[in-house]
Amino acid sequence: MTQNKIRVAIVDDHRMILSAFTQWITDSADDVDVITAVPTWPELLTHPDFPVDVVLLDLDLKDNIPVSLKLSTLKTTGTQTVVMSAYSDPGVVREALAAGAVGYLVKSEPASAMVEAIRSAERGDSYISAELDAALGRASSASPRLSAQERRVMALYAAGDPVKSVAYELSISEETAKSYLKRIREKYRSKGIDVGTKVALRKQAILDGIIVN
């Protein structure tokens, strides 16, 4: 008797990632069938084979549609969702899980983690990697709440990018990038945490799970 494969859709606005993830899953799991890999939310909803069993959903598709709305929509169709992101900010992870995601993947994780997350989601079980679980445990409750854009700026800058590169990557002006960094530092300072130097900012970003060491 042939076992039914887990039907999966991937949504990510980077086409190279779509191609890579599809290939990784295909090569790693003969019990998973990638039905579609699309760059936008509407393309998922209008796909003829939707709904599927599990959706791997990029946290930030830059479409101004709240991820909470996407998660609730998928839930009404009986689809399980694993959120993916380049960021491992504990606050973001908790928000995604609270909004209905059954799993959370950092895009730097290996293909085996992706397959494990898919299988767990299909069973209705939650999934986060051991590394991410440890980051959640280490996160300081005293850390300030940052906006999504502030997290992006902090992640890029703390990872070593100069302000000019951060601005280019996020399609903002250099002055705007500097304003974000000033605001980030002020938020931490209000919590009694000094991130005045780039080294201190990097250490705090690792502690808060915004970047992985």
N, C-alpha and C. Protein backbone atom coordinates (compact mmCIF):
# COMPACT_ATOMS: atom_id res chain seq x y z
N MET A 1 0.85 -1.20 0.00
CA MET A 1 0.00 0.00 0.00
C MET A 1 0.88 1.24 0.00
N THR A 2 0.64 2.17 -0.95
CA THR A 2 1.46 3.36 -1.08
C THR A 2 1.01 4.42 -0.07
N GLN A 3 1.96 4.93 0.67
CA GLN A 3 1.65 5.96 1.65
C GLN A 3 1.46 7.30 0.95
N ASN A 4 0.41 8.02 1.36
CA ASN A 4 0.17 9.34 0.79
C ASN A 4 1.29 10.30 1.21
N LYS A 5 1.77 11.06 0.25
CA LYS A 5 2.81 12.02 0.55
C LYS A 5 2.24 13.26 1.22
N ILE A 6 3.08 13.94 1.99
CA ILE A 6 2.69 15.20 2.61
C ILE A 6 2.76 16.28 1.54
N ARG A 7 1.63 16.94 1.30
CA ARG A 7 1.55 17.95 0.24
C ARG A 7 1.96 19.31 0.82
N VAL A 8 3.01 19.89 0.23
CA VAL A 8 3.62 21.10 0.78
C VAL A 8 3.62 22.23 -0.26
N ALA A 9 3.40 23.45 0.23
CA ALA A 9 3.58 24.65 -0.59
C ALA A 9 4.60 25.55 0.11
N ILE A 10 5.42 26.23 -0.68
CA ILE A 10 6.43 27.15 -0.15
C ILE A 10 6.11 28.55 -0.67
N VAL A 11 6.12 29.53 0.24
CA VAL A 11 5.88 30.92 -0.16
C VAL A 11 7.05 31.77 0.33
N ASP A 12 7.80 32.33 -0.62
CA ASP A 12 8.95 33.17 -0.27
C ASP A 12 9.19 34.12 -1.45
N ASP A 13 9.47 35.39 -1.14
CA ASP A 13 9.60 36.36 -2.23
C ASP A 13 10.97 36.34 -2.91
N HIS A 14 11.85 35.44 -2.48
CA HIS A 14 13.14 35.26 -3.16
C HIS A 14 13.09 33.98 -3.99
N ARG A 15 13.10 34.12 -5.30
CA ARG A 15 12.93 32.96 -6.19
C ARG A 15 14.06 31.94 -6.06
N MET A 16 15.27 32.41 -5.77
CA MET A 16 16.38 31.47 -5.61
C MET A 16 16.16 30.60 -4.38
N ILE A 17 15.59 31.19 -3.33
CA ILE A 17 15.28 30.42 -2.13
C ILE A 17 14.20 29.38 -2.43
N LEU A 18 13.20 29.79 -3.19
CA LEU A 18 12.14 28.84 -3.58
C LEU A 18 12.74 27.63 -4.28
N SER A 19 13.62 27.89 -5.22
CA SER A 19 14.24 26.81 -5.98
C SER A 19 15.10 25.93 -5.09
N ALA A 20 15.91 26.57 -4.23
CA ALA A 20 16.80 25.81 -3.36
C ALA A 20 16.02 24.95 -2.37
N PHE A 21 15.00 25.54 -1.73
CA PHE A 21 14.22 24.80 -0.75
C PHE A 21 13.48 23.63 -1.39
N THR A 22 12.94 23.86 -2.58
CA THR A 22 12.24 22.79 -3.29
C THR A 22 13.18 21.63 -3.56
N GLN A 23 14.39 21.95 -4.01
CA GLN A 23 15.37 20.91 -4.31
C GLN A 23 15.81 20.19 -3.05
N TRP A 24 16.05 20.93 -1.96
CA TRP A 24 16.48 20.32 -0.70
C TRP A 24 15.43 19.33 -0.20
N ILE A 25 14.17 19.75 -0.23
CA ILE A 25 13.10 18.89 0.27
C ILE A 25 12.96 17.65 -0.61
N THR A 26 13.00 17.85 -1.92
CA THR A 26 12.86 16.73 -2.86
C THR A 26 13.98 15.72 -2.67
N ASP A 27 15.20 16.22 -2.44
CA ASP A 27 16.35 15.34 -2.26
C ASP A 27 16.37 14.66 -0.89
N SER A 28 15.72 15.27 0.09
CA SER A 28 15.83 14.79 1.47
C SER A 28 14.67 13.93 1.96
N ALA A 29 13.53 14.00 1.28
CA ALA A 29 12.35 13.32 1.81
C ALA A 29 11.47 12.76 0.70
N ASP A 30 11.37 11.43 0.65
CA ASP A 30 10.52 10.83 -0.37
C ASP A 30 9.06 10.77 0.06
N ASP A 31 8.76 11.23 1.28
CA ASP A 31 7.38 11.24 1.75
C ASP A 31 6.77 12.64 1.68
N VAL A 32 7.50 13.59 1.03
CA VAL A 32 7.02 14.96 0.91
C VAL A 32 6.95 15.34 -0.56
N ASP A 33 5.84 15.96 -0.95
CA ASP A 33 5.65 16.39 -2.33
C ASP A 33 5.45 17.90 -2.35
N VAL A 34 6.39 18.64 -2.93
CA VAL A 34 6.25 20.09 -3.04
C VAL A 34 5.29 20.38 -4.19
N ILE A 35 4.07 20.77 -3.84
CA ILE A 35 3.02 21.00 -4.83
C ILE A 35 3.26 22.29 -5.60
N THR A 36 3.68 23.33 -4.88
CA THR A 36 3.95 24.61 -5.52
C THR A 36 4.94 25.41 -4.68
N ALA A 37 5.68 26.28 -5.35
CA ALA A 37 6.60 27.21 -4.68
C ALA A 37 6.40 28.56 -5.35
N VAL A 38 5.78 29.48 -4.63
CA VAL A 38 5.38 30.76 -5.22
C VAL A 38 5.92 31.94 -4.42
N PRO A 39 6.10 33.11 -5.08
CA PRO A 39 6.68 34.26 -4.39
C PRO A 39 5.69 35.19 -3.71
N THR A 40 4.39 34.99 -3.91
CA THR A 40 3.42 35.91 -3.31
C THR A 40 2.27 35.16 -2.65
N TRP A 41 1.67 35.82 -1.68
CA TRP A 41 0.52 35.28 -0.95
C TRP A 41 -0.69 35.02 -1.86
N PRO A 42 -1.08 35.96 -2.75
CA PRO A 42 -2.21 35.68 -3.64
C PRO A 42 -2.00 34.46 -4.54
N GLU A 43 -0.76 34.24 -4.97
CA GLU A 43 -0.49 33.09 -5.83
C GLU A 43 -0.70 31.77 -5.09
N LEU A 44 -0.45 31.78 -3.80
CA LEU A 44 -0.73 30.58 -3.01
C LEU A 44 -2.22 30.32 -2.95
N LEU A 45 -2.99 31.35 -2.60
CA LEU A 45 -4.43 31.18 -2.40
C LEU A 45 -5.17 30.81 -3.69
N THR A 46 -4.64 31.26 -4.83
CA THR A 46 -5.32 31.00 -6.10
C THR A 46 -4.78 29.77 -6.83
N HIS A 47 -3.80 29.11 -6.25
CA HIS A 47 -3.23 27.93 -6.91
C HIS A 47 -4.28 26.82 -6.97
N PRO A 48 -4.41 26.14 -8.10
CA PRO A 48 -5.47 25.11 -8.25
C PRO A 48 -5.36 23.95 -7.27
N ASP A 49 -4.18 23.68 -6.74
CA ASP A 49 -4.01 22.57 -5.81
C ASP A 49 -4.03 23.00 -4.34
N PHE A 50 -4.36 24.27 -4.09
CA PHE A 50 -4.51 24.75 -2.72
C PHE A 50 -5.92 24.45 -2.25
N PRO A 51 -6.13 24.06 -0.97
CA PRO A 51 -5.17 23.99 0.12
C PRO A 51 -4.31 22.73 0.09
N VAL A 52 -3.18 22.81 0.79
CA VAL A 52 -2.25 21.69 0.91
C VAL A 52 -2.20 21.27 2.38
N ASP A 53 -1.34 20.31 2.69
CA ASP A 53 -1.22 19.86 4.09
C ASP A 53 -0.42 20.85 4.94
N VAL A 54 0.71 21.30 4.38
CA VAL A 54 1.63 22.18 5.12
C VAL A 54 2.12 23.30 4.21
N VAL A 55 2.16 24.51 4.76
CA VAL A 55 2.74 25.65 4.05
C VAL A 55 3.98 26.12 4.79
N LEU A 56 5.08 26.27 4.07
CA LEU A 56 6.28 26.95 4.60
C LEU A 56 6.15 28.40 4.17
N LEU A 57 5.92 29.28 5.13
CA LEU A 57 5.57 30.67 4.85
C LEU A 57 6.65 31.62 5.33
N ASP A 58 7.19 32.41 4.40
CA ASP A 58 8.16 33.44 4.77
C ASP A 58 7.48 34.46 5.67
N LEU A 59 8.13 34.80 6.76
CA LEU A 59 7.55 35.73 7.73
C LEU A 59 7.26 37.09 7.12
N ASP A 60 8.14 37.56 6.26
CA ASP A 60 8.03 38.92 5.74
C ASP A 60 8.06 38.92 4.22
N LEU A 61 6.87 38.89 3.62
CA LEU A 61 6.77 38.90 2.16
C LEU A 61 6.72 40.32 1.60
N LYS A 62 6.83 41.32 2.51
CA LYS A 62 6.84 42.73 2.11
C LYS A 62 5.58 43.11 1.32
N ASP A 63 4.44 42.56 1.75
CA ASP A 63 3.18 42.86 1.08
C ASP A 63 2.19 43.60 1.99
N ASN A 64 2.66 43.97 3.18
CA ASN A 64 1.84 44.71 4.14
C ASN A 64 0.60 43.96 4.62
N ILE A 65 0.60 42.64 4.44
CA ILE A 65 -0.48 41.81 4.98
C ILE A 65 0.05 41.18 6.27
N PRO A 66 -0.59 41.43 7.40
CA PRO A 66 -0.08 40.89 8.67
C PRO A 66 0.05 39.38 8.63
N VAL A 67 1.14 38.86 9.16
CA VAL A 67 1.33 37.40 9.17
C VAL A 67 0.24 36.74 9.98
N SER A 68 -0.29 37.43 10.99
CA SER A 68 -1.37 36.85 11.79
C SER A 68 -2.61 36.58 10.94
N LEU A 69 -2.89 37.46 9.97
CA LEU A 69 -4.03 37.25 9.08
C LEU A 69 -3.78 36.06 8.16
N LYS A 70 -2.56 35.96 7.67
CA LYS A 70 -2.21 34.82 6.81
C LYS A 70 -2.36 33.51 7.57
N LEU A 71 -1.88 33.49 8.81
CA LEU A 71 -1.95 32.27 9.61
C LEU A 71 -3.39 31.88 9.91
N SER A 72 -4.23 32.86 10.23
CA SER A 72 -5.64 32.55 10.52
C SER A 72 -6.35 32.07 9.26
N THR A 73 -6.01 32.65 8.12
CA THR A 73 -6.60 32.21 6.84
C THR A 73 -6.24 30.77 6.54
N LEU A 74 -4.97 30.44 6.70
CA LEU A 74 -4.52 29.07 6.44
C LEU A 74 -5.16 28.09 7.41
N LYS A 75 -5.33 28.52 8.65
CA LYS A 75 -5.93 27.64 9.65
C LYS A 75 -7.36 27.27 9.27
N THR A 76 -8.11 28.23 8.71
CA THR A 76 -9.50 27.96 8.32
C THR A 76 -9.59 26.95 7.18
N THR A 77 -8.51 26.79 6.42
CA THR A 77 -8.51 25.81 5.32
C THR A 77 -8.02 24.44 5.77
N GLY A 78 -7.65 24.34 7.04
CA GLY A 78 -7.13 23.07 7.55
C GLY A 78 -5.66 22.85 7.25
N THR A 79 -4.98 23.93 6.84
CA THR A 79 -3.56 23.85 6.50
C THR A 79 -2.70 24.19 7.71
N GLN A 80 -1.66 23.39 7.94
CA GLN A 80 -0.70 23.68 9.00
C GLN A 80 0.40 24.58 8.43
N THR A 81 0.90 25.50 9.25
CA THR A 81 1.88 26.47 8.75
C THR A 81 3.16 26.47 9.58
N VAL A 82 4.28 26.41 8.87
CA VAL A 82 5.59 26.60 9.47
C VAL A 82 6.12 27.93 8.95
N VAL A 83 6.38 28.85 9.85
CA VAL A 83 6.90 30.17 9.47
C VAL A 83 8.41 30.08 9.30
N MET A 84 8.93 30.74 8.26
CA MET A 84 10.37 30.79 8.00
C MET A 84 10.83 32.24 8.05
N SER A 85 12.05 32.45 8.54
CA SER A 85 12.61 33.80 8.57
C SER A 85 14.12 33.73 8.65
N ALA A 86 14.77 34.81 8.23
CA ALA A 86 16.22 34.92 8.41
C ALA A 86 16.54 35.32 9.84
N TYR A 87 15.52 35.71 10.60
CA TYR A 87 15.72 36.22 11.95
C TYR A 87 15.24 35.23 13.00
N SER A 88 15.91 35.25 14.14
CA SER A 88 15.54 34.34 15.22
C SER A 88 15.19 35.10 16.49
N ASP A 89 14.69 36.32 16.32
CA ASP A 89 14.29 37.15 17.46
C ASP A 89 13.24 36.40 18.28
N PRO A 90 13.50 36.15 19.56
CA PRO A 90 12.56 35.39 20.39
C PRO A 90 11.15 35.96 20.41
N GLY A 91 11.05 37.29 20.43
CA GLY A 91 9.73 37.91 20.43
C GLY A 91 8.95 37.59 19.17
N VAL A 92 9.63 37.60 18.04
CA VAL A 92 8.99 37.28 16.76
C VAL A 92 8.57 35.82 16.72
N VAL A 93 9.44 34.95 17.20
CA VAL A 93 9.11 33.51 17.23
C VAL A 93 7.86 33.27 18.07
N ARG A 94 7.84 33.86 19.25
CA ARG A 94 6.69 33.66 20.14
C ARG A 94 5.40 34.21 19.53
N GLU A 95 5.50 35.37 18.87
CA GLU A 95 4.33 35.97 18.22
C GLU A 95 3.78 35.06 17.12
N ALA A 96 4.69 34.51 16.31
CA ALA A 96 4.27 33.64 15.21
C ALA A 96 3.59 32.37 15.74
N LEU A 97 4.16 31.78 16.77
CA LEU A 97 3.56 30.57 17.35
C LEU A 97 2.22 30.89 18.01
N ALA A 98 2.15 32.05 18.67
CA ALA A 98 0.90 32.44 19.32
C ALA A 98 -0.19 32.73 18.29
N ALA A 99 0.21 33.19 17.10
CA ALA A 99 -0.76 33.53 16.05
C ALA A 99 -1.26 32.31 15.28
N GLY A 100 -0.65 31.14 15.54
CA GLY A 100 -1.17 29.93 14.90
C GLY A 100 -0.17 29.10 14.13
N ALA A 101 1.08 29.55 14.02
CA ALA A 101 2.09 28.72 13.36
C ALA A 101 2.40 27.52 14.24
N VAL A 102 2.58 26.35 13.61
CA VAL A 102 2.93 25.16 14.39
C VAL A 102 4.44 24.96 14.44
N GLY A 103 5.17 25.76 13.67
CA GLY A 103 6.63 25.65 13.68
C GLY A 103 7.27 26.94 13.23
N TYR A 104 8.57 27.05 13.52
CA TYR A 104 9.33 28.24 13.13
C TYR A 104 10.72 27.77 12.71
N LEU A 105 11.12 28.16 11.52
CA LEU A 105 12.42 27.78 10.98
C LEU A 105 13.26 29.02 10.69
N VAL A 106 14.53 28.99 11.09
CA VAL A 106 15.48 30.01 10.65
C VAL A 106 16.09 29.50 9.35
N LYS A 107 16.16 30.37 8.34
CA LYS A 107 16.54 29.93 7.00
C LYS A 107 17.96 29.38 6.91
N SER A 108 18.77 29.64 7.92
CA SER A 108 20.13 29.11 7.91
C SER A 108 20.19 27.66 8.40
N GLU A 109 19.05 27.13 8.85
CA GLU A 109 19.04 25.76 9.35
C GLU A 109 19.15 24.76 8.20
N PRO A 110 19.64 23.54 8.47
CA PRO A 110 19.83 22.55 7.41
C PRO A 110 18.52 21.99 6.87
N ALA A 111 18.62 21.35 5.71
CA ALA A 111 17.43 20.77 5.07
C ALA A 111 16.75 19.75 5.97
N SER A 112 17.54 19.04 6.78
CA SER A 112 16.95 18.03 7.67
C SER A 112 15.98 18.67 8.65
N ALA A 113 16.28 19.89 9.10
CA ALA A 113 15.38 20.59 10.02
C ALA A 113 14.08 20.97 9.31
N MET A 114 14.19 21.36 8.05
CA MET A 114 13.01 21.72 7.28
C MET A 114 12.09 20.52 7.12
N VAL A 115 12.67 19.38 6.81
CA VAL A 115 11.88 18.16 6.63
C VAL A 115 11.25 17.74 7.95
N GLU A 116 12.02 17.82 9.02
CA GLU A 116 11.49 17.47 10.34
C GLU A 116 10.32 18.39 10.71
N ALA A 117 10.45 19.68 10.39
CA ALA A 117 9.37 20.64 10.68
C ALA A 117 8.12 20.31 9.89
N ILE A 118 8.30 19.94 8.63
CA ILE A 118 7.16 19.58 7.78
C ILE A 118 6.43 18.35 8.34
N ARG A 119 7.18 17.34 8.69
CA ARG A 119 6.58 16.12 9.23
C ARG A 119 5.87 16.38 10.55
N SER A 120 6.48 17.20 11.40
CA SER A 120 5.86 17.55 12.68
C SER A 120 4.56 18.32 12.45
N ALA A 121 4.60 19.27 11.52
CA ALA A 121 3.41 20.08 11.23
C ALA A 121 2.27 19.23 10.69
N GLU A 122 2.60 18.28 9.83
CA GLU A 122 1.55 17.42 9.26
C GLU A 122 0.85 16.61 10.35
N ARG A 123 1.60 16.27 11.41
CA ARG A 123 1.02 15.55 12.55
C ARG A 123 0.29 16.50 13.50
N GLY A 124 0.47 17.80 13.28
CA GLY A 124 -0.12 18.77 14.19
C GLY A 124 0.75 19.07 15.39
N ASP A 125 2.01 18.63 15.34
CA ASP A 125 2.95 18.87 16.44
C ASP A 125 3.74 20.14 16.19
N SER A 126 4.13 20.83 17.25
CA SER A 126 4.92 22.04 17.11
C SER A 126 6.38 21.69 16.85
N TYR A 127 7.09 22.62 16.20
CA TYR A 127 8.51 22.38 15.91
C TYR A 127 9.29 23.68 15.98
N ILE A 128 10.35 23.69 16.79
CA ILE A 128 11.43 24.66 16.68
C ILE A 128 12.71 23.89 16.96
N SER A 129 13.80 24.31 16.35
CA SER A 129 15.06 23.60 16.51
C SER A 129 15.58 23.75 17.93
N ALA A 130 16.48 22.86 18.32
CA ALA A 130 17.08 22.92 19.65
C ALA A 130 17.84 24.23 19.84
N GLU A 131 18.51 24.69 18.78
CA GLU A 131 19.28 25.94 18.85
C GLU A 131 18.35 27.12 19.10
N LEU A 132 17.22 27.14 18.39
CA LEU A 132 16.26 28.23 18.54
C LEU A 132 15.57 28.15 19.90
N ASP A 133 15.29 26.95 20.35
CA ASP A 133 14.69 26.77 21.67
C ASP A 133 15.63 27.31 22.75
N ALA A 134 16.93 27.07 22.58
CA ALA A 134 17.91 27.58 23.54
C ALA A 134 17.95 29.11 23.51
N ALA A 135 17.83 29.68 22.30
CA ALA A 135 17.82 31.14 22.17
C ALA A 135 16.61 31.74 22.89
N LEU A 136 15.49 31.06 22.79
CA LEU A 136 14.28 31.53 23.48
C LEU A 136 14.50 31.52 24.99
N GLY A 137 15.18 30.49 25.45
CA GLY A 137 15.44 30.37 26.88
C GLY A 137 16.41 31.41 27.39
N ARG A 138 17.36 31.81 26.51
CA ARG A 138 18.38 32.78 26.91
C ARG A 138 17.88 34.22 26.86
N ALA A 139 16.84 34.44 26.07
CA ALA A 139 16.39 35.81 25.82
C ALA A 139 16.04 36.54 27.10
N SER A 140 16.51 37.73 27.19
CA SER A 140 16.25 38.53 28.39
C SER A 140 14.88 39.18 28.31
N SER A 141 14.10 39.00 29.37
CA SER A 141 12.78 39.61 29.42
C SER A 141 12.88 41.12 29.52
N ALA A 142 14.08 41.61 29.84
CA ALA A 142 14.28 43.05 29.98
C ALA A 142 14.51 43.73 28.63
N SER A 143 14.72 42.95 27.59
CA SER A 143 15.02 43.53 26.29
C SER A 143 13.80 44.27 25.73
N PRO A 144 14.03 45.35 25.01
CA PRO A 144 12.91 46.14 24.48
C PRO A 144 12.24 45.46 23.29
N ARG A 145 11.05 45.90 23.00
CA ARG A 145 10.33 45.40 21.83
C ARG A 145 10.75 46.24 20.62
N LEU A 146 11.25 45.57 19.59
CA LEU A 146 11.68 46.24 18.37
C LEU A 146 10.70 45.98 17.25
N SER A 147 10.56 46.94 16.37
CA SER A 147 9.73 46.74 15.18
C SER A 147 10.44 45.81 14.21
N ALA A 148 9.71 45.32 13.21
CA ALA A 148 10.31 44.42 12.23
C ALA A 148 11.48 45.09 11.51
N GLN A 149 11.30 46.37 11.14
CA GLN A 149 12.38 47.08 10.43
C GLN A 149 13.57 47.32 11.35
N GLU A 150 13.31 47.62 12.61
CA GLU A 150 14.40 47.80 13.57
C GLU A 150 15.19 46.50 13.73
N ARG A 151 14.49 45.37 13.75
CA ARG A 151 15.18 44.08 13.85
C ARG A 151 16.05 43.83 12.62
N ARG A 152 15.54 44.21 11.44
CA ARG A 152 16.33 44.02 10.21
C ARG A 152 17.60 44.86 10.27
N VAL A 153 17.45 46.12 10.66
CA VAL A 153 18.60 47.02 10.74
C VAL A 153 19.61 46.49 11.75
N MET A 154 19.12 46.09 12.93
CA MET A 154 20.02 45.59 13.97
C MET A 154 20.73 44.32 13.52
N ALA A 155 20.00 43.42 12.85
CA ALA A 155 20.59 42.17 12.40
C ALA A 155 21.72 42.41 11.40
N LEU A 156 21.46 43.26 10.43
CA LEU A 156 22.46 43.53 9.39
C LEU A 156 23.68 44.25 9.96
N TYR A 157 23.42 45.27 10.77
CA TYR A 157 24.51 46.06 11.34
C TYR A 157 25.34 45.23 12.33
N ALA A 158 24.65 44.47 13.17
CA ALA A 158 25.35 43.64 14.16
C ALA A 158 26.13 42.51 13.50
N ALA A 159 25.69 42.09 12.31
CA ALA A 159 26.39 41.03 11.59
C ALA A 159 27.65 41.54 10.91
N GLY A 160 27.84 42.88 10.92
CA GLY A 160 29.08 43.43 10.38
C GLY A 160 28.93 44.39 9.22
N ASP A 161 27.70 44.55 8.71
CA ASP A 161 27.51 45.47 7.58
C ASP A 161 27.68 46.92 8.03
N PRO A 162 28.35 47.75 7.24
CA PRO A 162 28.39 49.19 7.55
C PRO A 162 27.02 49.82 7.29
N VAL A 163 26.81 50.99 7.84
CA VAL A 163 25.51 51.65 7.72
C VAL A 163 25.09 51.80 6.26
N LYS A 164 26.05 52.15 5.40
CA LYS A 164 25.73 52.34 3.99
C LYS A 164 25.19 51.06 3.37
N SER A 165 25.77 49.91 3.71
CA SER A 165 25.31 48.63 3.19
C SER A 165 23.95 48.26 3.75
N VAL A 166 23.73 48.57 5.03
CA VAL A 166 22.42 48.32 5.65
C VAL A 166 21.34 49.09 4.90
N ALA A 167 21.62 50.35 4.62
CA ALA A 167 20.67 51.20 3.90
C ALA A 167 20.37 50.63 2.51
N TYR A 168 21.41 50.22 1.81
CA TYR A 168 21.24 49.67 0.46
C TYR A 168 20.40 48.39 0.49
N GLU A 169 20.71 47.51 1.44
CA GLU A 169 20.02 46.23 1.55
C GLU A 169 18.53 46.42 1.82
N LEU A 170 18.19 47.42 2.60
CA LEU A 170 16.79 47.63 3.00
C LEU A 170 16.08 48.70 2.17
N SER A 171 16.79 49.21 1.16
CA SER A 171 16.21 50.23 0.26
C SER A 171 15.75 51.47 1.02
N ILE A 172 16.58 51.91 1.95
CA ILE A 172 16.31 53.14 2.69
C ILE A 172 17.53 54.04 2.59
N SER A 173 17.38 55.31 2.99
CA SER A 173 18.53 56.21 2.94
C SER A 173 19.49 55.92 4.09
N GLU A 174 20.72 56.37 3.92
CA GLU A 174 21.71 56.17 4.97
C GLU A 174 21.30 56.89 6.25
N GLU A 175 20.70 58.07 6.10
CA GLU A 175 20.25 58.83 7.26
C GLU A 175 19.13 58.09 7.99
N THR A 176 18.25 57.45 7.23
CA THR A 176 17.17 56.68 7.84
C THR A 176 17.73 55.49 8.61
N ALA A 177 18.73 54.84 8.03
CA ALA A 177 19.37 53.71 8.71
C ALA A 177 20.00 54.17 10.03
N LYS A 178 20.65 55.34 10.00
CA LYS A 178 21.26 55.88 11.22
C LYS A 178 20.19 56.20 12.26
N SER A 179 19.04 56.70 11.79
CA SER A 179 17.94 57.01 12.70
C SER A 179 17.41 55.75 13.38
N TYR A 180 17.33 54.65 12.60
CA TYR A 180 16.89 53.38 13.18
C TYR A 180 17.88 52.92 14.26
N LEU A 181 19.17 53.01 13.96
CA LEU A 181 20.18 52.59 14.93
C LEU A 181 20.11 53.44 16.21
N LYS A 182 19.89 54.74 16.04
CA LYS A 182 19.76 55.62 17.20
C LYS A 182 18.55 55.21 18.04
N ARG A 183 17.44 54.92 17.37
CA ARG A 183 16.21 54.53 18.06
C ARG A 183 16.40 53.20 18.79
N ILE A 184 17.10 52.26 18.14
CA ILE A 184 17.37 50.96 18.75
C ILE A 184 18.17 51.13 20.03
N ARG A 185 19.21 51.93 19.94
CA ARG A 185 20.07 52.16 21.11
C ARG A 185 19.30 52.85 22.24
N GLU A 186 18.41 53.77 21.87
CA GLU A 186 17.61 54.45 22.88
C GLU A 186 16.66 53.48 23.57
N LYS A 187 16.09 52.56 22.80
CA LYS A 187 15.17 51.58 23.39
C LYS A 187 15.90 50.68 24.38
N TYR A 188 17.08 50.26 24.01
CA TYR A 188 17.87 49.42 24.93
C TYR A 188 18.30 50.23 26.16
N ARG A 189 18.68 51.47 25.92
CA ARG A 189 19.12 52.31 27.04
C ARG A 189 17.99 52.50 28.05
N SER A 190 16.74 52.61 27.53
CA SER A 190 15.59 52.78 28.42
C SER A 190 15.36 51.56 29.30
N LYS A 191 15.92 50.42 28.88
CA LYS A 191 15.82 49.19 29.67
C LYS A 191 17.08 48.95 30.50
N GLY A 192 17.98 49.93 30.48
CA GLY A 192 19.21 49.81 31.26
C GLY A 192 20.28 48.97 30.60
N ILE A 193 20.19 48.83 29.27
CA ILE A 193 21.16 48.02 28.53
C ILE A 193 21.94 48.93 27.59
N ASP A 194 23.25 48.96 27.74
CA ASP A 194 24.10 49.83 26.93
C ASP A 194 24.59 49.10 25.69
N VAL A 195 24.13 49.55 24.53
CA VAL A 195 24.61 48.99 23.25
C VAL A 195 25.20 50.12 22.41
N GLY A 196 25.96 51.00 23.08
CA GLY A 196 26.50 52.17 22.41
C GLY A 196 27.58 51.86 21.38
N THR A 197 28.27 50.73 21.55
CA THR A 197 29.30 50.34 20.58
C THR A 197 28.77 49.21 19.69
N LYS A 198 29.42 49.03 18.55
CA LYS A 198 29.00 47.98 17.63
C LYS A 198 29.23 46.60 18.25
N VAL A 199 30.29 46.46 19.02
CA VAL A 199 30.58 45.19 19.70
C VAL A 199 29.47 44.87 20.70
N ALA A 200 29.07 45.87 21.48
CA ALA A 200 28.00 45.66 22.47
C ALA A 200 26.68 45.34 21.78
N LEU A 201 26.42 46.01 20.66
CA LEU A 201 25.19 45.77 19.91
C LEU A 201 25.16 44.34 19.37
N ARG A 202 26.31 43.88 18.88
CA ARG A 202 26.39 42.51 18.37
C ARG A 202 26.15 41.49 19.48
N LYS A 203 26.77 41.71 20.63
CA LYS A 203 26.59 40.78 21.75
C LYS A 203 25.12 40.70 22.16
N GLN A 204 24.46 41.87 22.18
CA GLN A 204 23.05 41.89 22.57
C GLN A 204 22.18 41.23 21.50
N ALA A 205 22.53 41.43 20.24
CA ALA A 205 21.77 40.81 19.15
C ALA A 205 21.85 39.29 19.22
N ILE A 206 23.01 38.77 19.60
CA ILE A 206 23.17 37.32 19.78
C ILE A 206 22.35 36.85 20.98
N LEU A 207 22.43 37.59 22.06
CA LEU A 207 21.70 37.23 23.28
C LEU A 207 20.19 37.20 23.03
N ASP A 208 19.70 38.16 22.25
CA ASP A 208 18.27 38.26 22.00
C ASP A 208 17.82 37.41 20.81
N GLY A 209 18.75 36.67 20.21
CA GLY A 209 18.38 35.78 19.10
C GLY A 209 18.12 36.48 17.79
N ILE A 210 18.52 37.76 17.68
CA ILE A 210 18.32 38.49 16.43
C ILE A 210 19.30 38.04 15.36
N ILE A 211 20.50 37.67 15.78
CA ILE A 211 21.45 36.99 14.90
C ILE A 211 21.96 35.75 15.62
N VAL A 212 22.43 34.78 14.85
CA VAL A 212 22.99 33.56 15.41
C VAL A 212 24.50 33.66 15.40
N ASN A 213 25.12 33.38 16.51
CA ASN A 213 26.58 33.48 16.61
C ASN A 213 27.26 32.45 15.72
